[in-house]
Amino acid sequence: MSPVALCVRFTLREGAGEAFDNLVRETAAAIRAHEPGTLVYMCNEVEGAANQRVFFELYADHDAFEEHGRQPYVRHLLSECEKYAERTEIDRLRPYAGKHPAGSE
């Protein structure tokens, strides 16, 4: 099966950064503990853009991606995001070359 990857950009409401980041840290800890099929879950601040956060997510396959989305801590994060983010952009990626835990061609 092919890996599944996402790039997600959140534009946060003014003053929401700390609360959003705390929520993300809690969620990321649960992902590390419970999701072996989530190979990469990187949460990034954007230099020079205090209200921007960019996530890169890599799942072993479609089943791992679906399992991730069913987790209560992920569902909680997504429902809470509405409080903190004024805009969310999601790009589904199709890895085809490079170096990553799912392999490379």
PDB file of N, CA and C in Angstrom:
ATOM      1  N   MET A   1       0.839  -1.191   0.000  1.00  0.00           N
ATOM      2  CA  MET A   1       0.000   0.000   0.000  1.00  0.00           C
ATOM      3  C   MET A   1       0.879   1.248   0.000  1.00  0.00           C
ATOM      4  N   SER A   2       0.351   2.314  -0.523  1.00  0.00           N
ATOM      5  CA  SER A   2       1.077   3.575  -0.613  1.00  0.00           C
ATOM      6  C   SER A   2       0.908   4.399   0.654  1.00  0.00           C
ATOM      7  N   PRO A   3       1.951   5.164   1.014  1.00  0.00           N
ATOM      8  CA  PRO A   3       1.797   6.060   2.155  1.00  0.00           C
ATOM      9  C   PRO A   3       0.819   7.183   1.822  1.00  0.00           C
ATOM     10  N   VAL A   4       0.244   7.772   2.857  1.00  0.00           N
ATOM     11  CA  VAL A   4      -0.661   8.920   2.734  1.00  0.00           C
ATOM     12  C   VAL A   4       0.013  10.075   3.445  1.00  0.00           C
ATOM     13  N   ALA A   5       0.041  11.238   2.806  1.00  0.00           N
ATOM     14  CA  ALA A   5       0.675  12.408   3.410  1.00  0.00           C
ATOM     15  C   ALA A   5      -0.229  13.623   3.277  1.00  0.00           C
ATOM     16  N   LEU A   6      -0.137  14.501   4.268  1.00  0.00           N
ATOM     17  CA  LEU A   6      -0.897  15.751   4.277  1.00  0.00           C
ATOM     18  C   LEU A   6       0.014  16.894   4.670  1.00  0.00           C
ATOM     19  N   CYS A   7      -0.283  18.065   4.153  1.00  0.00           N
ATOM     20  CA  CYS A   7       0.288  19.314   4.630  1.00  0.00           C
ATOM     21  C   CYS A   7      -0.912  20.178   5.027  1.00  0.00           C
ATOM     22  N   VAL A   8      -0.949  20.597   6.291  1.00  0.00           N
ATOM     23  CA  VAL A   8      -2.087  21.361   6.802  1.00  0.00           C
ATOM     24  C   VAL A   8      -1.565  22.690   7.337  1.00  0.00           C
ATOM     25  N   ARG A   9      -2.156  23.784   6.887  1.00  0.00           N
ATOM     26  CA  ARG A   9      -1.776  25.119   7.359  1.00  0.00           C
ATOM     27  C   ARG A   9      -2.956  25.721   8.117  1.00  0.00           C
ATOM     28  N   PHE A  10      -2.663  26.117   9.350  1.00  0.00           N
ATOM     29  CA  PHE A  10      -3.647  26.794  10.180  1.00  0.00           C
ATOM     30  C   PHE A  10      -3.257  28.264  10.289  1.00  0.00           C
ATOM     31  N   THR A  11      -4.208  29.142  10.046  1.00  0.00           N
ATOM     32  CA  THR A  11      -4.041  30.560  10.348  1.00  0.00           C
ATOM     33  C   THR A  11      -4.837  30.801  11.616  1.00  0.00           C
ATOM     34  N   LEU A  12      -4.123  31.123  12.694  1.00  0.00           N
ATOM     35  CA  LEU A  12      -4.752  31.233  14.009  1.00  0.00           C
ATOM     36  C   LEU A  12      -5.327  32.625  14.240  1.00  0.00           C
ATOM     37  N   ARG A  13      -6.342  32.662  15.075  1.00  0.00           N
ATOM     38  CA  ARG A  13      -6.902  33.935  15.513  1.00  0.00           C
ATOM     39  C   ARG A  13      -5.862  34.645  16.377  1.00  0.00           C
ATOM     40  N   GLU A  14      -5.909  35.948  16.387  1.00  0.00           N
ATOM     41  CA  GLU A  14      -4.970  36.737  17.193  1.00  0.00           C
ATOM     42  C   GLU A  14      -5.035  36.290  18.651  1.00  0.00           C
ATOM     43  N   GLY A  15      -3.894  35.987  19.228  1.00  0.00           N
ATOM     44  CA  GLY A  15      -3.816  35.608  20.633  1.00  0.00           C
ATOM     45  C   GLY A  15      -4.121  34.153  20.931  1.00  0.00           C
ATOM     46  N   ALA A  16      -4.370  33.332  19.911  1.00  0.00           N
ATOM     47  CA  ALA A  16      -4.758  31.941  20.136  1.00  0.00           C
ATOM     48  C   ALA A  16      -3.581  30.974  20.120  1.00  0.00           C
ATOM     49  N   GLY A  17      -2.379  31.442  19.824  1.00  0.00           N
ATOM     50  CA  GLY A  17      -1.240  30.569  19.619  1.00  0.00           C
ATOM     51  C   GLY A  17      -0.913  29.656  20.788  1.00  0.00           C
ATOM     52  N   GLU A  18      -0.837  30.206  21.985  1.00  0.00           N
ATOM     53  CA  GLU A  18      -0.437  29.397  23.134  1.00  0.00           C
ATOM     54  C   GLU A  18      -1.448  28.286  23.428  1.00  0.00           C
ATOM     55  N   ALA A  19      -2.719  28.608  23.425  1.00  0.00           N
ATOM     56  CA  ALA A  19      -3.752  27.599  23.696  1.00  0.00           C
ATOM     57  C   ALA A  19      -3.764  26.531  22.599  1.00  0.00           C
ATOM     58  N   PHE A  20      -3.633  26.954  21.343  1.00  0.00           N
ATOM     59  CA  PHE A  20      -3.589  26.005  20.229  1.00  0.00           C
ATOM     60  C   PHE A  20      -2.379  25.089  20.359  1.00  0.00           C
ATOM     61  N   ASP A  21      -1.226  25.667  20.634  1.00  0.00           N
ATOM     62  CA  ASP A  21      -0.003  24.873  20.748  1.00  0.00           C
ATOM     63  C   ASP A  21      -0.089  23.871  21.892  1.00  0.00           C
ATOM     64  N   ASN A  22      -0.684  24.249  23.004  1.00  0.00           N
ATOM     65  CA  ASN A  22      -0.862  23.313  24.123  1.00  0.00           C
ATOM     66  C   ASN A  22      -1.754  22.144  23.721  1.00  0.00           C
ATOM     67  N   LEU A  23      -2.839  22.432  23.026  1.00  0.00           N
ATOM     68  CA  LEU A  23      -3.742  21.388  22.544  1.00  0.00           C
ATOM     69  C   LEU A  23      -3.006  20.449  21.585  1.00  0.00           C
ATOM     70  N   VAL A  24      -2.203  21.017  20.704  1.00  0.00           N
ATOM     71  CA  VAL A  24      -1.455  20.212  19.741  1.00  0.00           C
ATOM     72  C   VAL A  24      -0.428  19.334  20.460  1.00  0.00           C
ATOM     73  N   ARG A  25       0.254  19.877  21.461  1.00  0.00           N
ATOM     74  CA  ARG A  25       1.241  19.070  22.204  1.00  0.00           C
ATOM     75  C   ARG A  25       0.574  17.866  22.877  1.00  0.00           C
ATOM     76  N   GLU A  26      -0.594  18.072  23.457  1.00  0.00           N
ATOM     77  CA  GLU A  26      -1.335  16.963  24.085  1.00  0.00           C
ATOM     78  C   GLU A  26      -1.714  15.916  23.044  1.00  0.00           C
ATOM     79  N   THR A  27      -2.199  16.370  21.915  1.00  0.00           N
ATOM     80  CA  THR A  27      -2.613  15.459  20.850  1.00  0.00           C
ATOM     81  C   THR A  27      -1.413  14.696  20.297  1.00  0.00           C
ATOM     82  N   ALA A  28      -0.310  15.394  20.071  1.00  0.00           N
ATOM     83  CA  ALA A  28       0.890  14.753  19.526  1.00  0.00           C
ATOM     84  C   ALA A  28       1.417  13.677  20.477  1.00  0.00           C
ATOM     85  N   ALA A  29       1.339  13.923  21.777  1.00  0.00           N
ATOM     86  CA  ALA A  29       1.783  12.912  22.745  1.00  0.00           C
ATOM     87  C   ALA A  29       0.935  11.647  22.628  1.00  0.00           C
ATOM     88  N   ALA A  30      -0.371  11.813  22.467  1.00  0.00           N
ATOM     89  CA  ALA A  30      -1.262  10.657  22.311  1.00  0.00           C
ATOM     90  C   ALA A  30      -0.985   9.932  20.994  1.00  0.00           C
ATOM     91  N   ILE A  31      -0.708  10.673  19.949  1.00  0.00           N
ATOM     92  CA  ILE A  31      -0.386  10.061  18.655  1.00  0.00           C
ATOM     93  C   ILE A  31       0.888   9.235  18.771  1.00  0.00           C
ATOM     94  N   ARG A  32       1.920   9.783  19.418  1.00  0.00           N
ATOM     95  CA  ARG A  32       3.173   9.034  19.601  1.00  0.00           C
ATOM     96  C   ARG A  32       2.931   7.745  20.380  1.00  0.00           C
ATOM     97  N   ALA A  33       2.068   7.812  21.372  1.00  0.00           N
ATOM     98  CA  ALA A  33       1.843   6.659  22.247  1.00  0.00           C
ATOM     99  C   ALA A  33       0.961   5.584  21.622  1.00  0.00           C
ATOM    100  N   HIS A  34       0.055   5.968  20.729  1.00  0.00           N
ATOM    101  CA  HIS A  34      -0.985   5.029  20.306  1.00  0.00           C
ATOM    102  C   HIS A  34      -1.088   4.760  18.803  1.00  0.00           C
ATOM    103  N   GLU A  35      -0.276   5.392  17.985  1.00  0.00           N
ATOM    104  CA  GLU A  35      -0.465   5.262  16.536  1.00  0.00           C
ATOM    105  C   GLU A  35       0.819   4.845  15.816  1.00  0.00           C
ATOM    106  N   PRO A  36       1.108   3.562  15.794  1.00  0.00           N
ATOM    107  CA  PRO A  36       2.314   3.135  15.087  1.00  0.00           C
ATOM    108  C   PRO A  36       2.254   3.397  13.579  1.00  0.00           C
ATOM    109  N   GLY A  37       1.069   3.484  13.016  1.00  0.00           N
ATOM    110  CA  GLY A  37       0.928   3.736  11.584  1.00  0.00           C
ATOM    111  C   GLY A  37       1.071   5.197  11.203  1.00  0.00           C
ATOM    112  N   THR A  38       1.119   6.084  12.200  1.00  0.00           N
ATOM    113  CA  THR A  38       1.408   7.490  11.938  1.00  0.00           C
ATOM    114  C   THR A  38       2.917   7.631  12.024  1.00  0.00           C
ATOM    115  N   LEU A  39       3.542   7.743  10.871  1.00  0.00           N
ATOM    116  CA  LEU A  39       5.000   7.729  10.795  1.00  0.00           C
ATOM    117  C   LEU A  39       5.619   9.075  11.122  1.00  0.00           C
ATOM    118  N   VAL A  40       4.958  10.150  10.689  1.00  0.00           N
ATOM    119  CA  VAL A  40       5.428  11.510  10.943  1.00  0.00           C
ATOM    120  C   VAL A  40       4.214  12.373  11.267  1.00  0.00           C
ATOM    121  N   TYR A  41       4.311  13.134  12.335  1.00  0.00           N
ATOM    122  CA  TYR A  41       3.278  14.112  12.697  1.00  0.00           C
ATOM    123  C   TYR A  41       4.035  15.328  13.216  1.00  0.00           C
ATOM    124  N   MET A  42       4.456  16.176  12.303  1.00  0.00           N
ATOM    125  CA  MET A  42       5.279  17.341  12.626  1.00  0.00           C
ATOM    126  C   MET A  42       4.437  18.596  12.673  1.00  0.00           C
ATOM    127  N   CYS A  43       4.512  19.298  13.795  1.00  0.00           N
ATOM    128  CA  CYS A  43       3.794  20.546  13.995  1.00  0.00           C
ATOM    129  C   CYS A  43       4.842  21.658  14.005  1.00  0.00           C
ATOM    130  N   ASN A  44       4.663  22.648  13.158  1.00  0.00           N
ATOM    131  CA  ASN A  44       5.693  23.665  12.960  1.00  0.00           C
ATOM    132  C   ASN A  44       5.142  25.069  13.084  1.00  0.00           C
ATOM    133  N   GLU A  45       5.899  25.944  13.747  1.00  0.00           N
ATOM    134  CA  GLU A  45       5.637  27.374  13.676  1.00  0.00           C
ATOM    135  C   GLU A  45       6.273  27.868  12.388  1.00  0.00           C
ATOM    136  N   VAL A  46       5.764  28.967  11.852  1.00  0.00           N
ATOM    137  CA  VAL A  46       6.302  29.530  10.623  1.00  0.00           C
ATOM    138  C   VAL A  46       7.098  30.781  10.981  1.00  0.00           C
ATOM    139  N   GLU A  47       8.368  30.779  10.615  1.00  0.00           N
ATOM    140  CA  GLU A  47       9.215  31.936  10.898  1.00  0.00           C
ATOM    141  C   GLU A  47       8.623  33.191  10.284  1.00  0.00           C
ATOM    142  N   GLY A  48       8.518  34.235  11.092  1.00  0.00           N
ATOM    143  CA  GLY A  48       8.019  35.511  10.598  1.00  0.00           C
ATOM    144  C   GLY A  48       6.507  35.591  10.461  1.00  0.00           C
ATOM    145  N   ALA A  49       5.797  34.548  10.853  1.00  0.00           N
ATOM    146  CA  ALA A  49       4.328  34.537  10.751  1.00  0.00           C
ATOM    147  C   ALA A  49       3.782  33.915  12.037  1.00  0.00           C
ATOM    148  N   ALA A  50       3.673  34.720  13.079  1.00  0.00           N
ATOM    149  CA  ALA A  50       3.335  34.229  14.421  1.00  0.00           C
ATOM    150  C   ALA A  50       2.002  33.487  14.492  1.00  0.00           C
ATOM    151  N   ASN A  51       1.091  33.777  13.597  1.00  0.00           N
ATOM    152  CA  ASN A  51      -0.232  33.139  13.640  1.00  0.00           C
ATOM    153  C   ASN A  51      -0.362  31.975  12.666  1.00  0.00           C
ATOM    154  N   GLN A  52       0.740  31.503  12.119  1.00  0.00           N
ATOM    155  CA  GLN A  52       0.704  30.383  11.180  1.00  0.00           C
ATOM    156  C   GLN A  52       1.302  29.135  11.826  1.00  0.00           C
ATOM    157  N   ARG A  53       0.660  28.003  11.577  1.00  0.00           N
ATOM    158  CA  ARG A  53       1.195  26.705  11.969  1.00  0.00           C
ATOM    159  C   ARG A  53       1.051  25.790  10.761  1.00  0.00           C
ATOM    160  N   VAL A  54       2.080  25.011  10.485  1.00  0.00           N
ATOM    161  CA  VAL A  54       2.052  24.076   9.369  1.00  0.00           C
ATOM    162  C   VAL A  54       2.362  22.686   9.918  1.00  0.00           C
ATOM    163  N   PHE A  55       1.508  21.747   9.576  1.00  0.00           N
ATOM    164  CA  PHE A  55       1.692  20.351   9.983  1.00  0.00           C
ATOM    165  C   PHE A  55       2.064  19.549   8.754  1.00  0.00           C
ATOM    166  N   PHE A  56       2.986  18.616   8.943  1.00  0.00           N
ATOM    167  CA  PHE A  56       3.259  17.615   7.928  1.00  0.00           C
ATOM    168  C   PHE A  56       2.941  16.272   8.556  1.00  0.00           C
ATOM    169  N   GLU A  57       2.104  15.512   7.892  1.00  0.00           N
ATOM    170  CA  GLU A  57       1.652  14.228   8.419  1.00  0.00           C
ATOM    171  C   GLU A  57       1.932  13.148   7.380  1.00  0.00           C
ATOM    172  N   LEU A  58       2.482  12.028   7.847  1.00  0.00           N
ATOM    173  CA  LEU A  58       2.765  10.901   6.971  1.00  0.00           C
ATOM    174  C   LEU A  58       2.271   9.633   7.639  1.00  0.00           C
ATOM    175  N   TYR A  59       1.420   8.910   6.939  1.00  0.00           N
ATOM    176  CA  TYR A  59       0.820   7.674   7.439  1.00  0.00           C
ATOM    177  C   TYR A  59       1.308   6.508   6.590  1.00  0.00           C
ATOM    178  N   ALA A  60       1.479   5.363   7.213  1.00  0.00           N
ATOM    179  CA  ALA A  60       1.993   4.185   6.513  1.00  0.00           C
ATOM    180  C   ALA A  60       1.132   3.823   5.309  1.00  0.00           C
ATOM    181  N   ASP A  61      -0.182   4.006   5.444  1.00  0.00           N
ATOM    182  CA  ASP A  61      -1.104   3.660   4.363  1.00  0.00           C
ATOM    183  C   ASP A  61      -2.466   4.282   4.673  1.00  0.00           C
ATOM    184  N   HIS A  62      -3.422   4.031   3.797  1.00  0.00           N
ATOM    185  CA  HIS A  62      -4.756   4.617   3.957  1.00  0.00           C
ATOM    186  C   HIS A  62      -5.426   4.130   5.249  1.00  0.00           C
ATOM    187  N   ASP A  63      -5.234   2.865   5.603  1.00  0.00           N
ATOM    188  CA  ASP A  63      -5.833   2.343   6.837  1.00  0.00           C
ATOM    189  C   ASP A  63      -5.305   3.083   8.063  1.00  0.00           C
ATOM    190  N   ALA A  64      -4.002   3.372   8.094  1.00  0.00           N
ATOM    191  CA  ALA A  64      -3.417   4.113   9.224  1.00  0.00           C
ATOM    192  C   ALA A  64      -3.982   5.529   9.277  1.00  0.00           C
ATOM    193  N   PHE A  65      -4.165   6.142   8.115  1.00  0.00           N
ATOM    194  CA  PHE A  65      -4.757   7.480   8.054  1.00  0.00           C
ATOM    195  C   PHE A  65      -6.191   7.469   8.598  1.00  0.00           C
ATOM    196  N   GLU A  66      -6.973   6.485   8.181  1.00  0.00           N
ATOM    197  CA  GLU A  66      -8.356   6.370   8.658  1.00  0.00           C
ATOM    198  C   GLU A  66      -8.392   6.108  10.167  1.00  0.00           C
ATOM    199  N   GLU A  67      -7.511   5.251  10.652  1.00  0.00           N
ATOM    200  CA  GLU A  67      -7.442   4.953  12.088  1.00  0.00           C
ATOM    201  C   GLU A  67      -7.107   6.212  12.887  1.00  0.00           C
ATOM    202  N   HIS A  68      -6.182   7.009  12.379  1.00  0.00           N
ATOM    203  CA  HIS A  68      -5.823   8.280  13.011  1.00  0.00           C
ATOM    204  C   HIS A  68      -7.065   9.163  13.181  1.00  0.00           C
ATOM    205  N   GLY A  69      -7.829   9.280  12.123  1.00  0.00           N
ATOM    206  CA  GLY A  69      -9.011  10.139  12.154  1.00  0.00           C
ATOM    207  C   GLY A  69     -10.107   9.672  13.097  1.00  0.00           C
ATOM    208  N   ARG A  70     -10.102   8.401  13.467  1.00  0.00           N
ATOM    209  CA  ARG A  70     -11.119   7.867  14.386  1.00  0.00           C
ATOM    210  C   ARG A  70     -10.765   8.065  15.864  1.00  0.00           C
ATOM    211  N   GLN A  71      -9.542   8.448  16.156  1.00  0.00           N
ATOM    212  CA  GLN A  71      -9.110   8.541  17.549  1.00  0.00           C
ATOM    213  C   GLN A  71      -9.795   9.704  18.271  1.00  0.00           C
ATOM    214  N   PRO A  72     -10.229   9.496  19.513  1.00  0.00           N
ATOM    215  CA  PRO A  72     -10.940  10.561  20.236  1.00  0.00           C
ATOM    216  C   PRO A  72     -10.090  11.815  20.443  1.00  0.00           C
ATOM    217  N   TYR A  73      -8.806  11.679  20.636  1.00  0.00           N
ATOM    218  CA  TYR A  73      -7.960  12.852  20.836  1.00  0.00           C
ATOM    219  C   TYR A  73      -7.805  13.651  19.540  1.00  0.00           C
ATOM    220  N   VAL A  74      -7.827  12.979  18.393  1.00  0.00           N
ATOM    221  CA  VAL A  74      -7.767  13.679  17.107  1.00  0.00           C
ATOM    222  C   VAL A  74      -9.093  14.373  16.842  1.00  0.00           C
ATOM    223  N   ARG A  75     -10.180  13.698  17.117  1.00  0.00           N
ATOM    224  CA  ARG A  75     -11.499  14.299  16.922  1.00  0.00           C
ATOM    225  C   ARG A  75     -11.663  15.524  17.830  1.00  0.00           C
ATOM    226  N   HIS A  76     -11.131  15.434  19.056  1.00  0.00           N
ATOM    227  CA  HIS A  76     -11.170  16.570  19.978  1.00  0.00           C
ATOM    228  C   HIS A  76     -10.357  17.741  19.417  1.00  0.00           C
ATOM    229  N   LEU A  77      -9.146  17.454  18.930  1.00  0.00           N
ATOM    230  CA  LEU A  77      -8.327  18.508  18.335  1.00  0.00           C
ATOM    231  C   LEU A  77      -9.076  19.203  17.205  1.00  0.00           C
ATOM    232  N   LEU A  78      -9.647  18.426  16.318  1.00  0.00           N
ATOM    233  CA  LEU A  78     -10.342  19.007  15.170  1.00  0.00           C
ATOM    234  C   LEU A  78     -11.539  19.853  15.586  1.00  0.00           C
ATOM    235  N   SER A  79     -12.280  19.406  16.591  1.00  0.00           N
ATOM    236  CA  SER A  79     -13.438  20.195  17.039  1.00  0.00           C
ATOM    237  C   SER A  79     -12.987  21.480  17.736  1.00  0.00           C
ATOM    238  N   GLU A  80     -11.881  21.423  18.466  1.00  0.00           N
ATOM    239  CA  GLU A  80     -11.369  22.603  19.166  1.00  0.00           C
ATOM    240  C   GLU A  80     -10.707  23.597  18.218  1.00  0.00           C
ATOM    241  N   CYS A  81     -10.214  23.124  17.094  1.00  0.00           N
ATOM    242  CA  CYS A  81      -9.539  24.008  16.139  1.00  0.00           C
ATOM    243  C   CYS A  81     -10.409  25.184  15.725  1.00  0.00           C
ATOM    244  N   GLU A  82     -11.695  24.963  15.682  1.00  0.00           N
ATOM    245  CA  GLU A  82     -12.597  26.048  15.289  1.00  0.00           C
ATOM    246  C   GLU A  82     -12.482  27.243  16.219  1.00  0.00           C
ATOM    247  N   LYS A  83     -12.155  27.014  17.495  1.00  0.00           N
ATOM    248  CA  LYS A  83     -11.979  28.110  18.450  1.00  0.00           C
ATOM    249  C   LYS A  83     -10.740  28.935  18.136  1.00  0.00           C
ATOM    250  N   TYR A  84      -9.712  28.280  17.650  1.00  0.00           N
ATOM    251  CA  TYR A  84      -8.397  28.901  17.533  1.00  0.00           C
ATOM    252  C   TYR A  84      -8.008  29.318  16.116  1.00  0.00           C
ATOM    253  N   ALA A  85      -8.511  28.624  15.124  1.00  0.00           N
ATOM    254  CA  ALA A  85      -8.089  28.877  13.740  1.00  0.00           C
ATOM    255  C   ALA A  85      -9.178  29.614  12.975  1.00  0.00           C
ATOM    256  N   GLU A  86      -8.776  30.660  12.291  1.00  0.00           N
ATOM    257  CA  GLU A  86      -9.735  31.350  11.430  1.00  0.00           C
ATOM    258  C   GLU A  86      -9.718  30.779  10.014  1.00  0.00           C
ATOM    259  N   ARG A  87      -8.658  30.026   9.703  1.00  0.00           N
ATOM    260  CA  ARG A  87      -8.574  29.410   8.378  1.00  0.00           C
ATOM    261  C   ARG A  87      -7.736  28.135   8.472  1.00  0.00           C
ATOM    262  N   THR A  88      -8.169  27.105   7.743  1.00  0.00           N
ATOM    263  CA  THR A  88      -7.436  25.847   7.668  1.00  0.00           C
ATOM    264  C   THR A  88      -7.340  25.447   6.201  1.00  0.00           C
ATOM    265  N   GLU A  89      -6.127  25.157   5.758  1.00  0.00           N
ATOM    266  CA  GLU A  89      -5.908  24.710   4.380  1.00  0.00           C
ATOM    267  C   GLU A  89      -5.265  23.328   4.437  1.00  0.00           C
ATOM    268  N   ILE A  90      -5.796  22.387   3.671  1.00  0.00           N
ATOM    269  CA  ILE A  90      -5.291  21.021   3.682  1.00  0.00           C
ATOM    270  C   ILE A  90      -4.920  20.610   2.263  1.00  0.00           C
ATOM    271  N   ASP A  91      -3.683  20.152   2.108  1.00  0.00           N
ATOM    272  CA  ASP A  91      -3.235  19.583   0.836  1.00  0.00           C
ATOM    273  C   ASP A  91      -2.937  18.120   1.062  1.00  0.00           C
ATOM    274  N   ARG A  92      -3.588  17.261   0.287  1.00  0.00           N
ATOM    275  CA  ARG A  92      -3.259  15.826   0.298  1.00  0.00           C
ATOM    276  C   ARG A  92      -2.092  15.651  -0.662  1.00  0.00           C
ATOM    277  N   LEU A  93      -1.062  14.995  -0.186  1.00  0.00           N
ATOM    278  CA  LEU A  93       0.158  14.829  -0.956  1.00  0.00           C
ATOM    279  C   LEU A  93       0.299  13.377  -1.411  1.00  0.00           C
ATOM    280  N   ARG A  94       1.022  13.180  -2.479  1.00  0.00           N
ATOM    281  CA  ARG A  94       1.293  11.838  -2.980  1.00  0.00           C
ATOM    282  C   ARG A  94       2.815  11.655  -3.039  1.00  0.00           C
ATOM    283  N   PRO A  95       3.408  11.139  -1.965  1.00  0.00           N
ATOM    284  CA  PRO A  95       4.865  10.963  -1.980  1.00  0.00           C
ATOM    285  C   PRO A  95       5.282  10.040  -3.127  1.00  0.00           C
ATOM    286  N   TYR A  96       6.345  10.421  -3.821  1.00  0.00           N
ATOM    287  CA  TYR A  96       6.815   9.580  -4.907  1.00  0.00           C
ATOM    288  C   TYR A  96       8.328   9.394  -4.916  1.00  0.00           C
ATOM    289  N   ALA A  97       9.070  10.232  -4.196  1.00  0.00           N
ATOM    290  CA  ALA A  97      10.515  10.074  -4.136  1.00  0.00           C
ATOM    291  C   ALA A  97      11.034  10.787  -2.907  1.00  0.00           C
ATOM    292  N   GLY A  98      12.134  10.333  -2.394  1.00  0.00           N
ATOM    293  CA  GLY A  98      12.748  11.011  -1.260  1.00  0.00           C
ATOM    294  C   GLY A  98      13.133  10.025  -0.186  1.00  0.00           C
ATOM    295  N   LYS A  99      13.328  10.539   1.002  1.00  0.00           N
ATOM    296  CA  LYS A  99      13.704   9.726   2.144  1.00  0.00           C
ATOM    297  C   LYS A  99      12.689   9.959   3.244  1.00  0.00           C
ATOM    298  N   HIS A 100      12.014   8.917   3.617  1.00  0.00           N
ATOM    299  CA  HIS A 100      11.028   9.002   4.679  1.00  0.00           C
ATOM    300  C   HIS A 100      10.820   7.607   5.247  1.00  0.00           C
ATOM    301  N   PRO A 101      10.232   7.502   6.446  1.00  0.00           N
ATOM    302  CA  PRO A 101      10.112   6.201   7.104  1.00  0.00           C
ATOM    303  C   PRO A 101       9.297   5.170   6.344  1.00  0.00           C
ATOM    304  N   ALA A 102       8.423   5.608   5.426  1.00  0.00           N
ATOM    305  CA  ALA A 102       7.602   4.666   4.679  1.00  0.00           C
ATOM    306  C   ALA A 102       8.353   4.081   3.490  1.00  0.00           C
ATOM    307  N   GLY A 103       9.580   4.530   3.281  1.00  0.00           N
ATOM    308  CA  GLY A 103      10.371   4.034   2.149  1.00  0.00           C
ATOM    309  C   GLY A 103      10.504   5.079   1.079  1.00  0.00           C
ATOM    310  N   SER A 104      11.282   4.805   0.113  1.00  0.00           N
ATOM    311  CA  SER A 104      11.453   5.741  -0.999  1.00  0.00           C
ATOM    312  C   SER A 104      11.687   4.953  -2.279  1.00  0.00           C
ATOM    313  N   GLU A 105      11.453   5.627  -3.362  1.00  0.00           N
ATOM    314  CA  GLU A 105      11.642   4.989  -4.664  1.00  0.00           C
ATOM    315  C   GLU A 105      12.651   5.760  -5.463  1.00  0.00           C
TER     316      GLU A 105
END
